[in-house]
Amino acid sequence: MSIELSDDRRAQIQLALEGFFLEEFEMELSTFRADQLLDFLMETLGPAIYNQAVQDARAFMQRKLDDLEGDVSVPWRSGGAG
């Protein structure tokens, strides 16, 4: 599975990586190296993060469906007020 980023998003992340390296390590990171690092992170971390997000979304939706089922399964009373 390949996760694709828009050119704008990719450029934003590259700039963030460059800034991070400069601030944390006092090391200038070229755009080329930031791009290589981003590719590495996307390949190694991307699928795990994506899969976790899908599982979290599935669990969230399941809880909502369970709540809906409880709301719908309230017994209906016929014959007027009681």
Protein backbone atom coordinates (compact mmCIF):
# COMPACT_ATOMS: atom_id res chain seq x y z
CA MET A 1 0.00 0.00 0.00
CA SER A 2 1.34 3.39 -0.94
CA ILE A 3 0.23 6.54 0.83
CA GLU A 4 0.32 9.57 -1.43
CA LEU A 5 0.65 13.18 -0.32
CA SER A 6 -0.23 16.25 -2.32
CA ASP A 7 2.73 18.36 -3.43
CA ASP A 8 1.71 21.14 -1.01
CA ARG A 9 1.41 18.77 1.95
CA ARG A 10 4.72 17.13 1.09
CA ALA A 11 6.45 20.54 0.94
CA GLN A 12 4.94 21.50 4.32
CA ILE A 13 6.25 18.32 5.93
CA GLN A 14 9.68 18.78 4.36
CA LEU A 15 9.88 22.29 5.80
CA ALA A 16 8.78 20.97 9.19
CA LEU A 17 11.49 18.30 9.10
CA GLU A 18 14.11 20.89 8.14
CA GLY A 19 13.00 23.13 11.00
CA PHE A 20 12.94 20.22 13.45
CA PHE A 21 16.48 19.15 12.59
CA LEU A 22 17.75 22.70 12.82
CA GLU A 23 16.13 23.32 16.20
CA GLU A 24 16.70 19.93 17.84
CA PHE A 25 20.05 18.93 16.38
CA GLU A 26 21.44 22.26 15.15
CA MET A 27 21.84 20.56 11.77
CA GLU A 28 20.73 21.91 8.44
CA LEU A 29 18.74 19.38 6.49
CA SER A 30 18.65 19.91 2.74
CA THR A 31 15.37 19.60 0.88
CA PHE A 32 16.74 16.46 -0.77
CA ARG A 33 17.55 14.85 2.59
CA ALA A 34 14.20 15.96 4.04
CA ASP A 35 12.52 14.32 1.05
CA GLN A 36 14.48 11.10 1.59
CA LEU A 37 13.64 11.11 5.31
CA LEU A 38 9.97 11.71 4.54
CA ASP A 39 9.97 8.77 2.10
CA PHE A 40 11.56 6.55 4.75
CA LEU A 41 9.06 7.59 7.42
CA MET A 42 6.12 7.15 5.06
CA GLU A 43 7.29 3.64 4.11
CA THR A 44 8.04 2.48 7.64
CA LEU A 45 5.47 4.32 9.77
CA GLY A 46 2.77 5.23 7.27
CA PRO A 47 1.02 1.85 6.97
CA ALA A 48 0.99 1.25 10.74
CA ILE A 49 -0.41 4.73 11.44
CA TYR A 50 -2.96 4.40 8.64
CA ASN A 51 -4.11 0.98 9.87
CA GLN A 52 -4.42 2.24 13.44
CA ALA A 53 -6.49 5.20 12.24
CA VAL A 54 -8.80 2.85 10.34
CA GLN A 55 -9.19 0.64 13.43
CA ASP A 56 -9.89 3.69 15.61
CA ALA A 57 -12.50 4.95 13.13
CA ARG A 58 -14.09 1.50 12.95
CA ALA A 59 -14.29 1.27 16.76
CA PHE A 60 -15.75 4.77 16.96
CA MET A 61 -18.42 3.95 14.38
CA GLN A 62 -19.19 0.64 16.10
CA ARG A 63 -19.78 2.46 19.40
CA LYS A 64 -22.11 4.89 17.64
CA LEU A 65 -24.00 2.01 16.01
CA ASP A 66 -24.26 0.24 19.37
CA ASP A 67 -25.69 3.44 20.91
CA LEU A 68 -28.17 3.69 18.05
CA GLU A 69 -29.23 0.08 18.52
CA GLY A 70 -29.95 0.76 22.18
CA ASP A 71 -32.04 3.79 21.25
CA VAL A 72 -34.01 1.89 18.61
CA SER A 73 -34.64 -1.26 20.66
CA VAL A 74 -36.63 0.54 23.38
CA PRO A 75 -39.91 -1.40 23.55
CA TRP A 76 -42.91 0.32 22.04
CA ARG A 77 -45.96 0.43 24.23
CA SER A 78 -49.37 0.18 22.64
CA GLY A 79 -52.74 0.91 24.12
CA GLY A 80 -52.33 4.50 25.23
CA ALA A 81 -50.67 5.98 28.28
CA GLY A 82 -49.93 3.71 31.10
